[in-house]
Amino acid sequence: MKQRNIGIVLLLSFVTLGIYTVVWTYKTRKEMVTYLQNEKAIRPFWWILAPYILLIGVAILALIASAAHAGQSDDGSNLFVVLVGFAAVIGTIVIPFWWFISYFRALDAVTGEKEFGLNYSMWVVSLFFGIPVWTLLVQNSLNKKILRMHEAQTTARSTDSSSPTPPAPPVSPITPANPTGL
């Protein structure tokens, strides 16, 4: 896991108009999955992007269908575009809510904190206000975990180096020229 400055995380989120938040979420997901050594701890990241890609595809399909049927009435293709578009819109709403449940549960498993409710609530609030406060909470929890890991390693090293080493066996200052005695 990587320690990040939470102020920089927030600043980059605003400067990049949310793109950094997506990249940061991808990176922290990957770090937590690696730490937990369980690829299934958090659903794959593409699950979040899939409905948006489908929505873009539907928009392109609708443009192609309207250009191909200019002046004609073809309710069959329009109905298909509307139904797939509706499914994509529902997916963009439901899938992130479902995906972030596993993300925040994995965060609790990584950090040992029980902040699922707070983090999930702040994510939902962030959706409405556009301020990614949840990223600050998550990164702060990860930073504290990294700090605890470094402290544990430092403590382990200091106890290993402070343990007394057994004394070396005494060396005789006089060594006989002929050890066999002849």
Protein backbone atom coordinates (compact mmCIF):
# COMPACT_ATOMS: atom_id res chain seq x y z
CA MET A 1 0.00 0.00 0.00
CA LYS A 2 1.12 3.49 -0.71
CA GLN A 3 0.96 6.37 1.70
CA ARG A 4 -0.53 9.47 0.06
CA ASN A 5 -1.05 13.03 1.24
CA ILE A 6 -4.82 13.44 1.70
CA GLY A 7 -4.65 17.12 0.74
CA ILE A 8 -3.03 16.22 -2.58
CA VAL A 9 -5.69 13.52 -3.14
CA LEU A 10 -8.45 16.12 -2.69
CA LEU A 11 -6.65 18.76 -4.77
CA LEU A 12 -6.02 16.38 -7.67
CA SER A 13 -9.64 15.23 -7.52
CA PHE A 14 -10.81 18.81 -8.08
CA VAL A 15 -8.15 19.82 -10.61
CA THR A 16 -8.80 16.78 -12.80
CA LEU A 17 -12.59 17.11 -12.41
CA GLY A 18 -12.89 13.72 -10.76
CA ILE A 19 -10.65 11.73 -13.09
CA TYR A 20 -8.01 11.34 -10.37
CA THR A 21 -10.68 9.95 -8.04
CA VAL A 22 -11.33 7.17 -10.56
CA VAL A 23 -7.59 6.46 -10.93
CA TRP A 24 -7.09 6.62 -7.15
CA THR A 25 -9.99 4.20 -6.59
CA TYR A 26 -8.46 1.79 -9.11
CA LYS A 27 -5.05 1.99 -7.42
CA THR A 28 -6.34 1.60 -3.86
CA ARG A 29 -8.52 -1.33 -4.92
CA LYS A 30 -5.46 -3.02 -6.40
CA GLU A 31 -3.39 -2.32 -3.26
CA MET A 32 -6.08 -3.69 -0.92
CA VAL A 33 -6.60 -6.82 -3.03
CA THR A 34 -2.83 -7.42 -3.00
CA TYR A 35 -2.65 -6.89 0.76
CA LEU A 36 -5.57 -9.25 1.41
CA GLN A 37 -4.19 -11.74 -1.16
CA ASN A 38 -7.74 -12.25 -2.34
CA GLU A 39 -8.67 -11.09 -5.83
CA LYS A 40 -12.36 -11.60 -5.02
CA ALA A 41 -12.30 -9.29 -1.97
CA ILE A 42 -13.36 -6.38 -4.17
CA ARG A 43 -15.17 -6.87 -7.44
CA PRO A 44 -13.16 -6.08 -10.60
CA PHE A 45 -12.89 -2.39 -11.40
CA TRP A 46 -14.36 -2.74 -14.88
CA TRP A 47 -17.74 -3.45 -13.24
CA ILE A 48 -18.00 0.25 -12.43
CA LEU A 49 -17.04 1.31 -15.95
CA ALA A 50 -19.17 -1.23 -17.84
CA PRO A 51 -22.52 0.59 -17.59
CA TYR A 52 -20.94 3.86 -18.75
CA ILE A 53 -19.33 2.14 -21.71
CA LEU A 54 -22.69 0.54 -22.51
CA LEU A 55 -24.37 3.94 -22.24
CA ILE A 56 -21.88 5.45 -24.69
CA GLY A 57 -22.44 2.49 -27.02
CA VAL A 58 -26.20 2.99 -26.87
CA ALA A 59 -25.79 6.68 -27.69
CA ILE A 60 -23.64 5.80 -30.71
CA LEU A 61 -26.12 3.11 -31.74
CA ALA A 62 -28.99 5.60 -31.45
CA LEU A 63 -27.13 8.09 -33.65
CA ILE A 64 -26.42 5.41 -36.26
CA ALA A 65 -30.03 4.18 -36.18
CA SER A 66 -31.43 7.68 -36.54
CA ALA A 67 -29.09 8.44 -39.44
CA ALA A 68 -29.90 5.16 -41.18
CA HIS A 69 -33.63 5.60 -40.79
CA ALA A 70 -33.84 9.31 -41.46
CA GLY A 71 -37.39 10.12 -42.43
CA GLN A 72 -38.59 6.56 -41.80
CA SER A 73 -40.52 5.27 -38.84
CA ASP A 74 -38.89 2.14 -37.41
CA ASP A 75 -40.24 1.59 -33.94
CA GLY A 76 -38.41 -1.76 -33.56
CA SER A 77 -34.89 -0.35 -33.55
CA ASN A 78 -35.94 2.68 -31.51
CA LEU A 79 -37.52 0.43 -28.89
CA PHE A 80 -34.33 -1.65 -28.72
CA VAL A 81 -32.19 1.45 -28.24
CA VAL A 82 -34.53 2.75 -25.55
CA LEU A 83 -34.56 -0.56 -23.64
CA VAL A 84 -30.77 -1.00 -23.75
CA GLY A 85 -30.34 2.65 -22.83
CA PHE A 86 -32.70 2.24 -19.89
CA ALA A 87 -30.75 -0.83 -18.71
CA ALA A 88 -27.49 1.13 -18.99
CA VAL A 89 -28.89 4.04 -16.98
CA ILE A 90 -30.13 1.68 -14.26
CA GLY A 91 -26.72 0.00 -14.31
CA THR A 92 -24.90 3.28 -13.78
CA ILE A 93 -27.01 3.82 -10.67
CA VAL A 94 -27.11 0.32 -9.15
CA ILE A 95 -23.69 -1.15 -9.94
CA PRO A 96 -21.55 1.49 -8.16
CA PHE A 97 -23.68 1.14 -5.01
CA TRP A 98 -23.17 -2.62 -5.15
CA TRP A 99 -19.45 -2.38 -6.02
CA PHE A 100 -18.58 0.03 -3.22
CA ILE A 101 -20.09 -2.30 -0.62
CA SER A 102 -17.28 -4.79 -1.32
CA TYR A 103 -14.72 -1.96 -1.52
CA PHE A 104 -15.54 -0.59 1.93
CA ARG A 105 -15.79 -4.07 3.49
CA ALA A 106 -12.33 -4.86 2.15
CA LEU A 107 -11.09 -1.54 3.55
CA ASP A 108 -12.34 -2.61 7.00
CA ALA A 109 -10.54 -5.94 6.59
CA VAL A 110 -7.29 -4.22 5.60
CA THR A 111 -7.28 -1.50 8.26
CA GLY A 112 -8.92 -3.43 11.08
CA GLU A 113 -11.27 -0.48 11.59
CA LYS A 114 -15.02 -0.84 11.53
CA GLU A 115 -15.83 2.29 9.52
CA PHE A 116 -17.99 0.70 6.80
CA GLY A 117 -21.09 2.73 7.64
CA LEU A 118 -19.26 6.04 7.81
CA ASN A 119 -17.27 5.49 4.61
CA TYR A 120 -20.25 4.22 2.63
CA SER A 121 -22.44 7.08 3.86
CA MET A 122 -19.82 9.65 2.93
CA TRP A 123 -19.51 8.07 -0.52
CA VAL A 124 -23.28 8.43 -1.01
CA VAL A 125 -23.19 12.05 0.22
CA SER A 126 -20.26 12.74 -2.12
CA LEU A 127 -22.38 11.60 -5.06
CA PHE A 128 -24.89 14.36 -4.37
CA PHE A 129 -22.50 17.18 -3.52
CA GLY A 130 -19.57 16.31 -5.79
CA ILE A 131 -16.98 16.62 -3.02
CA PRO A 132 -15.08 13.33 -2.64
CA VAL A 133 -14.83 13.42 1.15
CA TRP A 134 -14.89 9.63 1.23
CA THR A 135 -11.50 9.53 -0.51
CA LEU A 136 -10.01 11.52 2.38
CA LEU A 137 -11.45 9.11 4.94
CA VAL A 138 -10.28 6.04 3.02
CA GLN A 139 -6.77 7.40 2.39
CA ASN A 140 -6.48 8.47 6.02
CA SER A 141 -7.40 4.94 7.14
CA LEU A 142 -4.88 3.44 4.73
CA ASN A 143 -2.18 5.89 5.87
CA LYS A 144 -2.80 4.93 9.52
CA LYS A 145 -2.54 1.23 8.61
CA ILE A 146 0.75 1.86 6.77
CA LEU A 147 2.06 3.75 9.81
CA ARG A 148 1.10 0.87 12.13
CA MET A 149 2.83 -1.60 9.79
CA HIS A 150 6.04 0.49 9.79
CA GLU A 151 5.93 0.83 13.58
CA ALA A 152 5.52 -2.94 13.94
CA GLN A 153 8.49 -3.55 11.63
CA THR A 154 10.61 -1.02 13.53
CA THR A 155 9.68 -2.59 16.86
CA ALA A 156 10.49 -6.06 15.54
CA ARG A 157 13.89 -4.90 14.29
CA SER A 158 14.74 -3.13 17.54
CA THR A 159 13.86 -6.18 19.64
CA ASP A 160 15.94 -8.39 17.36
CA SER A 161 18.99 -6.13 17.57
CA SER A 162 18.68 -5.53 21.33
CA SER A 163 18.72 -9.23 22.22
CA PRO A 164 22.12 -10.19 23.53
CA THR A 165 24.28 -12.26 21.26
CA PRO A 166 25.97 -15.21 22.86
CA PRO A 167 29.63 -14.58 23.67
CA ALA A 168 32.22 -16.05 21.38
CA PRO A 169 34.23 -18.94 22.78
CA PRO A 170 37.53 -17.86 24.31
CA VAL A 171 40.55 -18.04 22.05
CA SER A 172 43.79 -19.21 23.56
CA PRO A 173 46.47 -16.58 23.15
CA ILE A 174 49.19 -19.22 22.89
CA THR A 175 48.83 -21.75 20.18
CA PRO A 176 51.24 -24.62 20.21
CA ALA A 177 53.61 -24.81 17.27
CA ASN A 178 53.05 -28.52 16.99
CA PRO A 179 49.45 -29.39 17.99
CA THR A 180 50.08 -33.16 17.83
CA GLY A 181 52.68 -32.93 20.57
CA LEU A 182 55.56 -34.44 18.60
